[in-house]
Amino acid sequence: MRISKGWFIGLTIFFVLMILVGLIPMDGSTNITLSLVFLLAQIGITVWYLVGRTRPAPYRPSPLWKCPRCQAILIKGSPELASLLGPEKIVGTATCTSCGATFPQSMVYSGIYDVPTDQALLAETTRTASDSDIRRRAVEKLTDQTLLAEIAKTGQDKYICARAVERLTDQTVLAEIAKTDQEGSVRGQAVVRLTDQTVLAEIAKTDLNSYVRSNAVVRLTDQTVLAEIAKIDRDSEVRKQAVEKLTNQTVLAEIARTDHDSKVRGEAAKRLTDQTLLAEIAKTGQEGKEEQQWQSVTMANHTGGDR
């Protein structure tokens, strides 16, 4: 037979008190009287503990209510005000936005049409509610990781899927979504919550969506991977983000000299601290300008000679 925590604590206190009573020198009648007092006190403590554990939690009004006519799930306008004043003080009528039926506000706020906000029902609401705001509120109240993963992977609304991903913590599920989901916004949100550097490197190098790759680069710390991305990614903004995290002076100097985008070259040059490399880049830049000027003069002379 298992002993509940309440009974265990109660019995422990009782035996401790009995031992203390036995250690105190006193006559028999006093000893018996004290033992009875301690016993009654112990019974009172145990009953108080058990009643406290079994007392139902106070009812908290749901922010959602269900139309009794068409069963549509709707949002209450001011549940906090109703809790403060009492539902009987709320006047006027509530109108179902789905079927147009009207009901007294006092009845809506009394709780008789309330939709319980347990996890399973919240998950169902994210899939079935016609109002996008209701679906959003429902997913924001979800904490169950299994239900959140199911919504993130199978939901039809990409915005709700992304919100579900925001609340996920399971790295395996997040990695799966980041690599396989059809929506770039959902993959990108999953990447933001990833910590595995191997998975992040794979996504940063292979995902077709620059937004997803960019999110992965922000989370990367591996200098070798960042250098590779900074040199070969087809999107200049992604390359620039990778450069912003680079510390290797040789790689930065190479990018500052060779990247075809001026913003990427400028960011690489800005991060250089090696004076020798900076001098080489400055010299290369000057030679490049002189070459451009010479080509411009040659072209002008050639054009003038044709006239």
Protein backbone atom coordinates (compact mmCIF):
# COMPACT_ATOMS: atom_id res chain seq x y z
CA MET A 1 0.00 0.00 0.00
CA ARG A 2 1.39 3.42 -0.96
CA ILE A 3 1.43 6.16 1.69
CA SER A 4 0.57 9.64 0.41
CA LYS A 5 2.93 12.52 0.96
CA GLY A 6 0.48 14.12 3.43
CA TRP A 7 0.24 11.02 5.60
CA PHE A 8 4.01 10.51 5.49
CA ILE A 9 4.67 14.06 6.70
CA GLY A 10 1.98 13.74 9.35
CA LEU A 11 3.27 10.45 10.73
CA THR A 12 6.85 11.78 10.79
CA ILE A 13 5.82 14.82 12.83
CA PHE A 14 3.74 12.61 15.16
CA PHE A 15 6.58 10.22 15.93
CA VAL A 16 9.03 13.08 16.46
CA LEU A 17 6.67 14.68 18.96
CA MET A 18 6.12 11.38 20.76
CA ILE A 19 9.87 10.89 21.10
CA LEU A 20 10.26 14.41 22.52
CA VAL A 21 7.46 13.73 25.02
CA GLY A 22 9.18 10.54 26.11
CA LEU A 23 12.41 12.42 26.76
CA ILE A 24 10.79 15.01 29.05
CA PRO A 25 10.63 13.83 32.70
CA MET A 26 7.06 14.14 34.08
CA ASP A 27 4.47 12.08 35.93
CA GLY A 28 2.20 9.64 34.16
CA SER A 29 -0.96 11.79 33.97
CA THR A 30 0.90 14.78 32.53
CA ASN A 31 2.59 12.54 30.01
CA ILE A 32 -0.73 11.11 28.86
CA THR A 33 -2.31 14.57 28.63
CA LEU A 34 0.53 15.94 26.51
CA SER A 35 0.44 12.86 24.29
CA LEU A 36 -3.28 13.40 23.62
CA VAL A 37 -2.71 17.08 22.88
CA PHE A 38 0.06 16.26 20.43
CA LEU A 39 -2.04 13.52 18.83
CA LEU A 40 -5.01 15.85 18.31
CA ALA A 41 -2.71 18.54 16.92
CA GLN A 42 -1.21 16.01 14.54
CA ILE A 43 -4.63 14.86 13.34
CA GLY A 44 -5.59 18.49 12.75
CA ILE A 45 -2.41 19.16 10.74
CA THR A 46 -2.95 16.05 8.61
CA VAL A 47 -6.63 16.86 7.90
CA TRP A 48 -5.72 20.46 7.01
CA TYR A 49 -3.03 19.25 4.61
CA LEU A 50 -5.30 16.72 2.89
CA VAL A 51 -8.22 19.13 2.56
CA GLY A 52 -5.89 21.74 1.09
CA ARG A 53 -4.60 19.24 -1.47
CA THR A 54 -8.08 18.10 -2.55
CA ARG A 55 -9.78 21.50 -2.62
CA PRO A 56 -10.67 22.36 -6.23
CA ALA A 57 -8.85 25.27 -7.78
CA PRO A 58 -10.91 28.44 -8.04
CA TYR A 59 -12.73 28.84 -11.35
CA ARG A 60 -11.01 31.15 -13.79
CA PRO A 61 -13.25 32.46 -16.56
CA SER A 62 -12.23 31.35 -20.03
CA PRO A 63 -11.42 34.08 -22.56
CA LEU A 64 -13.34 31.98 -25.13
CA TRP A 65 -17.05 31.18 -25.41
CA LYS A 66 -19.01 28.94 -27.76
CA CYS A 67 -22.15 30.14 -29.52
CA PRO A 68 -24.94 27.78 -28.39
CA ARG A 69 -26.64 28.09 -31.76
CA CYS A 70 -23.87 27.45 -34.32
CA GLN A 71 -21.08 26.19 -32.00
CA ALA A 72 -18.60 28.81 -33.29
CA ILE A 73 -15.76 29.62 -30.86
CA LEU A 74 -15.55 33.35 -30.09
CA ILE A 75 -13.44 35.71 -27.99
CA LYS A 76 -14.88 37.60 -25.02
CA GLY A 77 -14.30 41.32 -25.22
CA SER A 78 -13.48 42.12 -21.57
CA PRO A 79 -13.07 38.99 -19.40
CA GLU A 80 -10.88 40.90 -16.91
CA LEU A 81 -13.58 43.56 -16.39
CA ALA A 82 -16.21 40.88 -15.83
CA SER A 83 -14.00 39.19 -13.24
CA LEU A 84 -13.57 42.51 -11.44
CA LEU A 85 -17.18 43.69 -11.46
CA GLY A 86 -19.04 40.39 -11.66
CA PRO A 87 -20.84 39.05 -14.76
CA GLU A 88 -24.21 40.36 -13.61
CA LYS A 89 -22.89 43.93 -13.91
CA ILE A 90 -22.05 43.52 -17.62
CA VAL A 91 -24.92 44.89 -19.70
CA GLY A 92 -25.76 44.77 -23.39
CA THR A 93 -25.75 41.93 -25.91
CA ALA A 94 -23.07 39.75 -27.44
CA THR A 95 -23.36 38.92 -31.13
CA CYS A 96 -22.00 35.76 -32.73
CA THR A 97 -19.88 36.83 -35.70
CA SER A 98 -20.59 33.52 -37.40
CA CYS A 99 -24.40 33.17 -37.32
CA GLY A 100 -25.49 36.61 -36.07
CA ALA A 101 -27.32 35.31 -32.98
CA THR A 102 -27.39 37.64 -29.95
CA PHE A 103 -27.17 36.77 -26.27
CA PRO A 104 -27.15 38.84 -23.06
CA GLN A 105 -23.60 39.81 -22.11
CA SER A 106 -24.33 38.78 -18.51
CA MET A 107 -24.99 35.20 -19.69
CA VAL A 108 -21.85 35.11 -21.84
CA TYR A 109 -19.72 36.35 -18.95
CA SER A 110 -21.41 34.10 -16.39
CA GLY A 111 -19.44 31.17 -17.82
CA ILE A 112 -22.30 28.99 -19.07
CA TYR A 113 -21.00 29.18 -22.66
CA ASP A 114 -17.32 29.03 -21.71
CA VAL A 115 -14.86 26.93 -23.70
CA PRO A 116 -12.43 25.16 -21.32
CA THR A 117 -8.83 26.11 -22.10
CA ASP A 118 -7.26 22.70 -21.55
CA GLN A 119 -4.36 21.74 -23.82
CA ALA A 120 -6.19 19.30 -26.10
CA LEU A 121 -9.03 21.75 -26.73
CA LEU A 122 -6.58 24.58 -27.36
CA ALA A 123 -4.83 22.43 -29.96
CA GLU A 124 -8.18 21.65 -31.61
CA THR A 125 -9.04 25.35 -31.61
CA THR A 126 -5.84 26.19 -33.51
CA ARG A 127 -7.03 23.85 -36.28
CA THR A 128 -10.77 24.53 -36.42
CA ALA A 129 -11.50 28.11 -35.35
CA SER A 130 -12.44 30.30 -38.31
CA ASP A 131 -11.09 33.47 -36.66
CA SER A 132 -7.31 33.78 -37.07
CA ASP A 133 -7.06 35.82 -33.87
CA ILE A 134 -8.67 32.98 -31.91
CA ARG A 135 -6.26 30.48 -33.46
CA ARG A 136 -3.34 32.72 -32.52
CA ARG A 137 -4.52 33.13 -28.93
CA ALA A 138 -5.05 29.39 -28.61
CA VAL A 139 -1.55 28.45 -29.79
CA GLU A 140 -0.02 31.08 -27.50
CA LYS A 141 -1.58 29.32 -24.50
CA LEU A 142 -0.27 25.88 -25.49
CA THR A 143 2.62 24.39 -23.53
CA ASP A 144 2.32 20.69 -24.40
CA GLN A 145 5.37 19.94 -26.57
CA THR A 146 3.77 16.98 -28.38
CA LEU A 147 0.74 19.04 -29.41
CA LEU A 148 2.93 21.99 -30.41
CA ALA A 149 5.10 19.72 -32.56
CA GLU A 150 2.02 18.27 -34.28
CA ILE A 151 0.65 21.75 -35.04
CA ALA A 152 4.04 22.98 -36.27
CA LYS A 153 4.47 20.02 -38.64
CA THR A 154 0.92 19.49 -39.90
CA GLY A 155 -0.88 22.85 -39.57
CA GLN A 156 -2.30 24.51 -42.67
CA ASP A 157 -1.77 28.10 -41.47
CA LYS A 158 1.92 29.02 -41.77
CA TYR A 159 1.57 31.82 -39.22
CA ILE A 160 0.09 29.44 -36.62
CA CYS A 161 2.81 26.90 -37.44
CA ALA A 162 5.48 29.54 -36.87
CA ARG A 163 3.88 30.50 -33.54
CA ALA A 164 3.90 26.84 -32.50
CA VAL A 165 7.59 26.59 -33.43
CA GLU A 166 8.29 29.64 -31.22
CA ARG A 167 7.08 27.62 -28.22
CA LEU A 168 8.97 24.42 -29.03
CA THR A 169 12.07 23.41 -27.05
CA ASP A 170 12.76 19.89 -28.40
CA GLN A 171 15.93 20.23 -30.50
CA THR A 172 15.24 17.07 -32.53
CA VAL A 173 11.80 18.31 -33.58
CA LEU A 174 13.16 21.79 -34.30
CA ALA A 175 15.93 20.33 -36.49
CA GLU A 176 13.40 18.26 -38.43
CA ILE A 177 11.19 21.29 -39.06
CA ALA A 178 14.17 23.50 -39.95
CA LYS A 179 15.32 21.04 -42.62
CA THR A 180 12.03 19.75 -44.07
CA ASP A 181 9.17 22.23 -43.69
CA GLN A 182 7.83 23.61 -46.96
CA GLU A 183 7.44 27.18 -45.65
CA GLY A 184 10.58 29.29 -45.42
CA SER A 185 9.11 31.40 -42.59
CA VAL A 186 8.49 28.26 -40.50
CA ARG A 187 11.97 26.85 -41.24
CA GLY A 188 13.51 30.21 -40.35
CA GLN A 189 11.68 30.33 -37.03
CA ALA A 190 12.85 26.80 -36.19
CA VAL A 191 16.46 27.76 -37.02
CA VAL A 192 16.27 30.67 -34.55
CA ARG A 193 15.65 28.16 -31.74
CA LEU A 194 18.34 25.66 -32.80
CA THR A 195 21.61 25.25 -30.90
CA ASP A 196 23.20 22.29 -32.73
CA GLN A 197 26.13 23.75 -34.71
CA THR A 198 26.27 20.82 -37.15
CA VAL A 199 22.62 21.23 -38.11
CA LEU A 200 22.99 25.01 -38.32
CA ALA A 201 26.01 24.65 -40.62
CA GLU A 202 24.12 22.27 -42.91
CA ILE A 203 21.17 24.65 -43.16
CA ALA A 204 23.38 27.72 -43.65
CA LYS A 205 25.11 26.05 -46.61
CA THR A 206 22.20 24.24 -48.29
CA ASP A 207 18.85 25.94 -47.69
CA LEU A 208 17.48 27.62 -50.81
CA ASN A 209 15.89 30.47 -48.84
CA SER A 210 18.27 33.34 -47.99
CA TYR A 211 16.14 34.27 -44.92
CA VAL A 212 16.63 30.77 -43.49
CA ARG A 213 20.36 30.75 -44.30
CA SER A 214 20.72 34.19 -42.71
CA ASN A 215 19.06 33.00 -39.48
CA ALA A 216 21.42 30.02 -39.39
CA VAL A 217 24.50 32.22 -39.91
CA VAL A 218 23.46 34.42 -36.97
CA ARG A 219 23.50 31.32 -34.73
CA LEU A 220 26.79 29.90 -36.07
CA THR A 221 30.08 30.13 -34.17
CA ASP A 222 32.30 27.80 -36.27
CA GLN A 223 34.86 30.08 -37.96
CA THR A 224 35.64 27.59 -40.75
CA VAL A 225 31.98 27.32 -41.75
CA LEU A 226 31.50 31.08 -41.47
CA ALA A 227 34.54 31.67 -43.72
CA GLU A 228 33.15 29.28 -46.34
CA ILE A 229 29.76 31.00 -46.33
CA ALA A 230 31.34 34.47 -46.39
CA LYS A 231 33.21 33.54 -49.59
CA ILE A 232 30.68 31.49 -51.56
CA ASP A 233 27.09 32.29 -50.55
CA ARG A 234 25.16 33.68 -53.51
CA ASP A 235 23.37 36.33 -51.40
CA SER A 236 25.47 39.37 -50.50
CA GLU A 237 23.53 40.02 -47.27
CA VAL A 238 24.20 36.47 -46.05
CA ARG A 239 27.89 36.86 -46.93
CA LYS A 240 27.99 40.17 -45.07
CA GLN A 241 26.41 38.58 -41.98
CA ALA A 242 29.02 35.82 -42.06
CA VAL A 243 31.81 38.42 -42.39
CA GLU A 244 30.43 40.25 -39.33
CA LYS A 245 31.18 37.13 -37.26
CA LEU A 246 34.62 36.37 -38.72
CA THR A 247 37.83 36.92 -36.78
CA ASN A 248 40.38 35.28 -39.14
CA GLN A 249 42.42 38.19 -40.50
CA THR A 250 43.69 36.35 -43.59
CA VAL A 251 40.16 35.39 -44.65
CA LEU A 252 38.88 38.91 -43.98
CA ALA A 253 41.70 40.36 -46.10
CA GLU A 254 40.91 37.99 -48.96
CA ILE A 255 37.21 38.96 -48.89
CA ALA A 256 38.06 42.65 -48.63
CA ARG A 257 40.12 42.31 -51.84
CA THR A 258 37.99 39.95 -53.91
CA ASP A 259 34.27 40.10 -53.05
CA HIS A 260 32.27 41.68 -55.87
CA ASP A 261 29.91 43.50 -53.47
CA SER A 262 31.22 46.77 -52.03
CA LYS A 263 29.25 46.40 -48.77
CA VAL A 264 30.77 42.97 -48.12
CA ARG A 265 34.27 44.25 -48.96
CA GLY A 266 33.72 47.26 -46.70
CA GLU A 267 32.55 45.11 -43.78
CA ALA A 268 35.57 42.83 -44.16
CA ALA A 269 37.96 45.80 -44.27
CA LYS A 270 36.29 47.31 -41.21
CA ARG A 271 36.98 44.15 -39.21
CA LEU A 272 40.66 44.01 -40.15
CA THR A 273 43.15 44.89 -37.45
CA ASP A 274 46.34 43.55 -39.07
CA GLN A 275 48.19 46.67 -40.26
CA THR A 276 50.22 44.82 -42.90
CA LEU A 277 47.12 43.37 -44.50
CA LEU A 278 45.36 46.74 -44.34
CA ALA A 279 48.30 48.35 -46.14
CA GLU A 280 48.22 45.69 -48.87
CA ILE A 281 44.49 46.20 -49.39
CA ALA A 282 44.93 49.98 -49.55
CA LYS A 283 47.69 49.57 -52.14
CA THR A 284 45.61 47.12 -54.18
CA GLY A 285 42.68 49.54 -54.04
CA GLN A 286 44.84 52.44 -55.25
CA GLU A 287 46.25 50.37 -58.09
CA GLY A 288 42.73 49.35 -59.03
CA LYS A 289 41.61 52.99 -59.15
CA GLU A 290 44.60 53.96 -61.31
CA GLU A 291 43.84 51.09 -63.67
CA GLN A 292 40.19 52.20 -63.94
CA GLN A 293 41.28 55.79 -64.61
CA TRP A 294 43.71 54.63 -67.34
CA GLN A 295 40.97 52.54 -68.96
CA SER A 296 38.60 55.53 -68.87
CA VAL A 297 41.19 57.81 -70.54
CA THR A 298 42.00 55.18 -73.18
CA MET A 299 38.30 54.70 -73.94
CA ALA A 300 37.77 58.48 -74.20
CA ASN A 301 40.73 58.87 -76.57
CA HIS A 302 39.54 55.98 -78.66
CA THR A 303 36.04 57.43 -78.89
CA GLY A 304 37.43 60.86 -79.78
CA GLY A 305 39.61 59.40 -82.50
CA ASP A 306 36.59 57.84 -84.21
CA ARG A 307 34.78 61.14 -84.60
